[in-house]
C-alpha atoms as a PDB file:
ATOM      1  CA  UNK A   1       0.000   0.000   0.000  1.00  0.00           C
ATOM      2  CA  UNK A   2       1.244   3.495  -0.830  1.00  0.00           C
ATOM      3  CA  UNK A   3       1.964   5.589   2.254  1.00  0.00           C
ATOM      4  CA  UNK A   4       0.480   9.013   2.850  1.00  0.00           C
ATOM      5  CA  UNK A   5       4.000  10.394   3.232  1.00  0.00           C
ATOM      6  CA  UNK A   6       4.920   9.214  -0.273  1.00  0.00           C
ATOM      7  CA  UNK A   7       1.684  10.609  -1.746  1.00  0.00           C
ATOM      8  CA  UNK A   8       2.349  13.967  -0.070  1.00  0.00           C
ATOM      9  CA  UNK A   9       5.882  13.967  -1.484  1.00  0.00           C
ATOM     10  CA  UNK A  10       4.609  13.041  -4.955  1.00  0.00           C
ATOM     11  CA  UNK A  11       2.023  15.835  -4.809  1.00  0.00           C
ATOM     12  CA  UNK A  12       4.697  18.392  -3.815  1.00  0.00           C
ATOM     13  CA  UNK A  13       7.022  17.130  -6.550  1.00  0.00           C
ATOM     14  CA  UNK A  14       4.301  17.440  -9.208  1.00  0.00           C
ATOM     15  CA  UNK A  15       3.318  20.939  -8.037  1.00  0.00           C
ATOM     16  CA  UNK A  16       6.931  22.158  -8.104  1.00  0.00           C
ATOM     17  CA  UNK A  17       7.557  20.502 -11.472  1.00  0.00           C
ATOM     18  CA  UNK A  18       4.456  22.091 -13.012  1.00  0.00           C
ATOM     19  CA  UNK A  19       5.346  25.523 -11.617  1.00  0.00           C
ATOM     20  CA  UNK A  20       8.914  25.315 -12.947  1.00  0.00           C
ATOM     21  CA  UNK A  21       8.120  23.668 -16.282  1.00  0.00           C
ATOM     22  CA  UNK A  22       4.908  25.463 -17.217  1.00  0.00           C
ATOM     23  CA  UNK A  23       6.196  28.687 -15.689  1.00  0.00           C
ATOM     24  CA  UNK A  24       9.120  28.479 -18.100  1.00  0.00           C
ATOM     25  CA  UNK A  25       6.740  27.866 -20.999  1.00  0.00           C
ATOM     26  CA  UNK A  26       4.777  30.937 -19.874  1.00  0.00           C
ATOM     27  CA  UNK A  27       7.961  33.032 -19.839  1.00  0.00           C
ATOM     28  CA  UNK A  28       8.779  31.799 -23.340  1.00  0.00           C
ATOM     29  CA  UNK A  29       5.253  32.651 -24.488  1.00  0.00           C
ATOM     30  CA  UNK A  30       5.506  36.151 -23.046  1.00  0.00           C
ATOM     31  CA  UNK A  31       9.029  36.765 -24.356  1.00  0.00           C
ATOM     32  CA  UNK A  32       8.539  35.677 -27.980  1.00  0.00           C
ATOM     33  CA  UNK A  33       6.900  38.195 -30.347  1.00  0.00           C
ATOM     34  CA  UNK A  34       3.360  37.240 -31.323  1.00  0.00           C
ATOM     35  CA  UNK A  35       0.619  35.715 -29.205  1.00  0.00           C
ATOM     36  CA  UNK A  36       0.872  37.002 -25.619  1.00  0.00           C
ATOM     37  CA  UNK A  37       4.123  38.924 -26.150  1.00  0.00           C
ATOM     38  CA  UNK A  38       5.082  41.351 -23.400  1.00  0.00           C
ATOM     39  CA  UNK A  39       7.957  43.770 -24.103  1.00  0.00           C
ATOM     40  CA  UNK A  40       8.506  44.102 -20.334  1.00  0.00           C
ATOM     41  CA  UNK A  41       8.823  40.322 -19.920  1.00  0.00           C
ATOM     42  CA  UNK A  42      11.040  40.040 -22.975  1.00  0.00           C
ATOM     43  CA  UNK A  43      13.401  42.726 -21.706  1.00  0.00           C
ATOM     44  CA  UNK A  44      13.530  42.125 -17.933  1.00  0.00           C
ATOM     45  CA  UNK A  45      12.278  38.618 -17.065  1.00  0.00           C
ATOM     46  CA  UNK A  46      13.384  36.441 -19.984  1.00  0.00           C
ATOM     47  CA  UNK A  47      15.762  34.161 -18.098  1.00  0.00           C
ATOM     48  CA  UNK A  48      15.641  31.689 -21.000  1.00  0.00           C
ATOM     49  CA  UNK A  49      17.595  34.173 -23.139  1.00  0.00           C
ATOM     50  CA  UNK A  50      20.186  34.263 -20.350  1.00  0.00           C
ATOM     51  CA  UNK A  51      20.390  30.472 -20.259  1.00  0.00           C
ATOM     52  CA  UNK A  52      20.846  30.391 -24.043  1.00  0.00           C
ATOM     53  CA  UNK A  53      23.562  33.070 -23.821  1.00  0.00           C
ATOM     54  CA  UNK A  54      25.493  31.045 -21.226  1.00  0.00           C
ATOM     55  CA  UNK A  55      25.055  27.824 -23.229  1.00  0.00           C
ATOM     56  CA  UNK A  56      26.350  29.429 -26.432  1.00  0.00           C
ATOM     57  CA  UNK A  57      29.294  31.167 -24.786  1.00  0.00           C
ATOM     58  CA  UNK A  58      30.071  28.220 -22.519  1.00  0.00           C
ATOM     59  CA  UNK A  59      30.176  25.959 -25.571  1.00  0.00           C
ATOM     60  CA  UNK A  60      32.376  28.472 -27.397  1.00  0.00           C
ATOM     61  CA  UNK A  61      34.833  28.502 -24.471  1.00  0.00           C
ATOM     62  CA  UNK A  62      34.779  24.697 -24.184  1.00  0.00           C
ATOM     63  CA  UNK A  63      35.462  24.328 -27.916  1.00  0.00           C
ATOM     64  CA  UNK A  64      38.310  26.850 -27.724  1.00  0.00           C
ATOM     65  CA  UNK A  65      39.880  24.699 -24.990  1.00  0.00           C
ATOM     66  CA  UNK A  66      39.690  21.805 -27.457  1.00  0.00           C
ATOM     67  CA  UNK A  67      41.420  23.946 -30.106  1.00  0.00           C
ATOM     68  CA  UNK A  68      38.407  24.850 -32.265  1.00  0.00           C
ATOM     69  CA  UNK A  69      37.678  28.388 -33.405  1.00  0.00           C
ATOM     70  CA  UNK A  70      34.019  29.287 -33.138  1.00  0.00           C
ATOM     71  CA  UNK A  71      31.880  32.408 -33.104  1.00  0.00           C
ATOM     72  CA  UNK A  72      28.506  33.204 -31.601  1.00  0.00           C
ATOM     73  CA  UNK A  73      26.446  34.440 -34.534  1.00  0.00           C
ATOM     74  CA  UNK A  74      23.486  36.461 -33.225  1.00  0.00           C
ATOM     75  CA  UNK A  75      21.573  35.288 -30.175  1.00  0.00           C
ATOM     76  CA  UNK A  76      20.801  31.733 -31.352  1.00  0.00           C
ATOM     77  CA  UNK A  77      23.752  30.322 -33.294  1.00  0.00           C
ATOM     78  CA  UNK A  78      27.215  28.975 -32.556  1.00  0.00           C
ATOM     79  CA  UNK A  79      29.323  28.153 -35.592  1.00  0.00           C
ATOM     80  CA  UNK A  80      32.793  27.097 -36.602  1.00  0.00           C
ATOM     81  CA  UNK A  81      34.745  29.938 -38.176  1.00  0.00           C
ATOM     82  CA  UNK A  82      34.182  29.278 -41.885  1.00  0.00           C
ATOM     83  CA  UNK A  83      31.985  26.260 -41.152  1.00  0.00           C
ATOM     84  CA  UNK A  84      28.553  25.047 -40.121  1.00  0.00           C
ATOM     85  CA  UNK A  85      26.693  26.136 -37.019  1.00  0.00           C
ATOM     86  CA  UNK A  86      24.102  24.963 -34.527  1.00  0.00           C
ATOM     87  CA  UNK A  87      20.965  26.928 -33.813  1.00  0.00           C
ATOM     88  CA  UNK A  88      20.127  26.759 -30.082  1.00  0.00           C
ATOM     89  CA  UNK A  89      16.350  27.056 -29.879  1.00  0.00           C
ATOM     90  CA  UNK A  90      14.108  26.786 -26.816  1.00  0.00           C
ATOM     91  CA  UNK A  91      13.984  22.982 -26.932  1.00  0.00           C
ATOM     92  CA  UNK A  92      17.812  22.928 -26.642  1.00  0.00           C
ATOM     93  CA  UNK A  93      17.862  24.775 -23.305  1.00  0.00           C
ATOM     94  CA  UNK A  94      16.985  21.691 -21.251  1.00  0.00           C
ATOM     95  CA  UNK A  95      14.311  23.362 -19.134  1.00  0.00           C
ATOM     96  CA  UNK A  96      12.435  20.057 -18.713  1.00  0.00           C
ATOM     97  CA  UNK A  97      15.453  18.381 -17.112  1.00  0.00           C
ATOM     98  CA  UNK A  98      16.214  21.496 -15.055  1.00  0.00           C
ATOM     99  CA  UNK A  99      12.578  21.567 -13.871  1.00  0.00           C
ATOM    100  CA  UNK A 100      12.712  17.884 -12.896  1.00  0.00           C
ATOM    101  CA  UNK A 101      15.819  18.381 -10.760  1.00  0.00           C
ATOM    102  CA  UNK A 102      14.407  21.552  -9.214  1.00  0.00           C
ATOM    103  CA  UNK A 103      11.155  19.789  -8.321  1.00  0.00           C
ATOM    104  CA  UNK A 104      13.048  16.889  -6.740  1.00  0.00           C
ATOM    105  CA  UNK A 105      15.138  19.147  -4.507  1.00  0.00           C
ATOM    106  CA  UNK A 106      12.290  21.478  -3.553  1.00  0.00           C
ATOM    107  CA  UNK A 107       9.916  18.603  -2.705  1.00  0.00           C
ATOM    108  CA  UNK A 108      12.404  17.025  -0.271  1.00  0.00           C
ATOM    109  CA  UNK A 109      12.900  17.976   3.351  1.00  0.00           C
ATOM    110  CA  UNK A 110      16.094  19.938   3.936  1.00  0.00           C
ATOM    111  CA  UNK A 111      17.324  23.257   5.252  1.00  0.00           C
ATOM    112  CA  UNK A 112      17.118  26.189   2.848  1.00  0.00           C
ATOM    113  CA  UNK A 113      20.896  26.524   2.413  1.00  0.00           C
ATOM    114  CA  UNK A 114      21.206  22.808   1.716  1.00  0.00           C
ATOM    115  CA  UNK A 115      18.418  22.950  -0.875  1.00  0.00           C
ATOM    116  CA  UNK A 116      20.095  25.899  -2.599  1.00  0.00           C
ATOM    117  CA  UNK A 117      23.417  24.035  -2.646  1.00  0.00           C
ATOM    118  CA  UNK A 118      21.890  20.887  -4.187  1.00  0.00           C
ATOM    119  CA  UNK A 119      19.689  22.865  -6.569  1.00  0.00           C
ATOM    120  CA  UNK A 120      22.541  24.975  -7.975  1.00  0.00           C
ATOM    121  CA  UNK A 121      24.967  22.055  -8.015  1.00  0.00           C
ATOM    122  CA  UNK A 122      22.571  19.887 -10.014  1.00  0.00           C
ATOM    123  CA  UNK A 123      21.694  22.703 -12.386  1.00  0.00           C
ATOM    124  CA  UNK A 124      25.410  23.357 -13.014  1.00  0.00           C
ATOM    125  CA  UNK A 125      26.009  19.686 -13.805  1.00  0.00           C
ATOM    126  CA  UNK A 126      23.062  19.683 -16.235  1.00  0.00           C
ATOM    127  CA  UNK A 127      24.385  22.921 -17.767  1.00  0.00           C
ATOM    128  CA  UNK A 128      27.834  21.388 -18.342  1.00  0.00           C
ATOM    129  CA  UNK A 129      26.286  18.268 -19.885  1.00  0.00           C
ATOM    130  CA  UNK A 130      24.369  20.540 -22.254  1.00  0.00           C
ATOM    131  CA  UNK A 131      27.527  22.525 -23.111  1.00  0.00           C
ATOM    132  CA  UNK A 132      29.317  19.274 -23.927  1.00  0.00           C
ATOM    133  CA  UNK A 133      26.318  18.097 -26.009  1.00  0.00           C
ATOM    134  CA  UNK A 134      26.167  21.331 -28.043  1.00  0.00           C
ATOM    135  CA  UNK A 135      29.946  21.313 -28.524  1.00  0.00           C
ATOM    136  CA  UNK A 136      30.120  17.684 -29.641  1.00  0.00           C
ATOM    137  CA  UNK A 137      27.140  18.167 -31.938  1.00  0.00           C
ATOM    138  CA  UNK A 138      28.839  21.173 -33.567  1.00  0.00           C
ATOM    139  CA  UNK A 139      32.050  19.174 -34.042  1.00  0.00           C
ATOM    140  CA  UNK A 140      30.113  16.216 -35.477  1.00  0.00           C
ATOM    141  CA  UNK A 141      28.223  18.267 -38.079  1.00  0.00           C
ATOM    142  CA  UNK A 142      31.423  19.990 -39.203  1.00  0.00           C
ATOM    143  CA  UNK A 143      33.441  16.775 -39.376  1.00  0.00           C
ATOM    144  CA  UNK A 144      30.443  14.827 -40.737  1.00  0.00           C
ATOM    145  CA  UNK A 145      30.553  12.287 -37.896  1.00  0.00           C
ATOM    146  CA  UNK A 146      27.430  10.202 -37.340  1.00  0.00           C
ATOM    147  CA  UNK A 147      25.814  10.461 -33.915  1.00  0.00           C
ATOM    148  CA  UNK A 148      26.183   7.348 -31.725  1.00  0.00           C
ATOM    149  CA  UNK A 149      23.530   4.708 -32.476  1.00  0.00           C
ATOM    150  CA  UNK A 150      22.048   7.186 -35.006  1.00  0.00           C
ATOM    151  CA  UNK A 151      20.175   8.824 -32.135  1.00  0.00           C
ATOM    152  CA  UNK A 152      18.967  12.401 -32.073  1.00  0.00           C
ATOM    153  CA  UNK A 153      21.254  14.698 -30.037  1.00  0.00           C
ATOM    154  CA  UNK A 154      18.259  15.712 -27.870  1.00  0.00           C
ATOM    155  CA  UNK A 155      17.748  12.053 -26.946  1.00  0.00           C
ATOM    156  CA  UNK A 156      21.452  11.661 -26.135  1.00  0.00           C
ATOM    157  CA  UNK A 157      21.293  14.770 -23.937  1.00  0.00           C
ATOM    158  CA  UNK A 158      18.208  13.454 -22.121  1.00  0.00           C
ATOM    159  CA  UNK A 159      19.913  10.108 -21.450  1.00  0.00           C
ATOM    160  CA  UNK A 160      23.076  11.799 -20.133  1.00  0.00           C
ATOM    161  CA  UNK A 161      21.178  14.391 -18.073  1.00  0.00           C
ATOM    162  CA  UNK A 162      18.743  11.923 -16.453  1.00  0.00           C
ATOM    163  CA  UNK A 163      21.617   9.531 -15.728  1.00  0.00           C
ATOM    164  CA  UNK A 164      23.353  12.415 -13.938  1.00  0.00           C
ATOM    165  CA  UNK A 165      20.117  13.174 -12.064  1.00  0.00           C
ATOM    166  CA  UNK A 166      19.816   9.540 -10.905  1.00  0.00           C
ATOM    167  CA  UNK A 167      23.392   9.707  -9.606  1.00  0.00           C
ATOM    168  CA  UNK A 168      22.636  13.047  -7.896  1.00  0.00           C
ATOM    169  CA  UNK A 169      19.487  11.569  -6.308  1.00  0.00           C
ATOM    170  CA  UNK A 170      21.559   8.656  -4.987  1.00  0.00           C
ATOM    171  CA  UNK A 171      24.071  11.011  -3.351  1.00  0.00           C
ATOM    172  CA  UNK A 172      21.309  13.346  -2.127  1.00  0.00           C
ATOM    173  CA  UNK A 173      19.504  10.451  -0.399  1.00  0.00           C
ATOM    174  CA  UNK A 174      22.784   9.036   0.929  1.00  0.00           C
ATOM    175  CA  UNK A 175      23.754  12.390   2.465  1.00  0.00           C
ATOM    176  CA  UNK A 176      20.360  12.712   4.127  1.00  0.00           C
ATOM    177  CA  UNK A 177      20.390   9.151   5.499  1.00  0.00           C
ATOM    178  CA  UNK A 178      23.821   9.812   7.005  1.00  0.00           C
ATOM    179  CA  UNK A 179      22.513  12.988   8.672  1.00  0.00           C
ATOM    180  CA  UNK A 180      19.395  11.188   9.935  1.00  0.00           C
ATOM    181  CA  UNK A 181      21.538   8.362  11.358  1.00  0.00           C
ATOM    182  CA  UNK A 182      23.737  10.952  13.108  1.00  0.00           C
ATOM    183  CA  UNK A 183      20.702  12.711  14.587  1.00  0.00           C
ATOM    184  CA  UNK A 184      19.222   9.392  15.753  1.00  0.00           C
ATOM    185  CA  UNK A 185      22.503   8.255  17.368  1.00  0.00           C
ATOM    186  CA  UNK A 186      22.830  11.656  19.104  1.00  0.00           C
ATOM    187  CA  UNK A 187      19.285  11.253  20.429  1.00  0.00           C
ATOM    188  CA  UNK A 188      20.074   7.764  21.755  1.00  0.00           C
ATOM    189  CA  UNK A 189      23.190   9.090  23.529  1.00  0.00           C
ATOM    190  CA  UNK A 190      21.192  11.934  25.091  1.00  0.00           C
ATOM    191  CA  UNK A 191      18.543   9.507  26.361  1.00  0.00           C
ATOM    192  CA  UNK A 192      21.189   7.185  27.809  1.00  0.00           C
ATOM    193  CA  UNK A 193      22.887  10.081  29.659  1.00  0.00           C
ATOM    194  CA  UNK A 194      19.638  10.804  31.481  1.00  0.00           C
END
């Protein structure tokens, strides 16, 4: 039988996921001309444009460390100098994976500082996986390399990112079990002293 504690956790997780995921879709809808476009949102609250900027420039820096010369062409494209480029659209940002990790951390019991630490740490890992994905994809289209198993690069990113999330969840749970065991052993010692 499913416990009430698990159902409460699942409800919190789903609420946080929906707020993060659909909130991001709302920001995209308000920041893109047409439909419900808001110039204020587009100028001041469009954090997706910031994420794209950091992905493009992070990938450019990563590729320069590998010895490749690239340029950021406009606000959407990273290309080899004199070669092909990749167009980083909204579906390339990884906001679904970022929302999943955010919902997991926020739904769990922990102190605020600890949640912030895990949240930012996980988001940075996902960001670096995405930078590596964009960089390798750009190299592969310029060198005409096939993608592994002929899979779409979005699928490869999802596999890598969710694998990283499973590893993060393992370490998150392990760190909390260690803290709970410490608290329980301290409580036993206090009771024995009395």
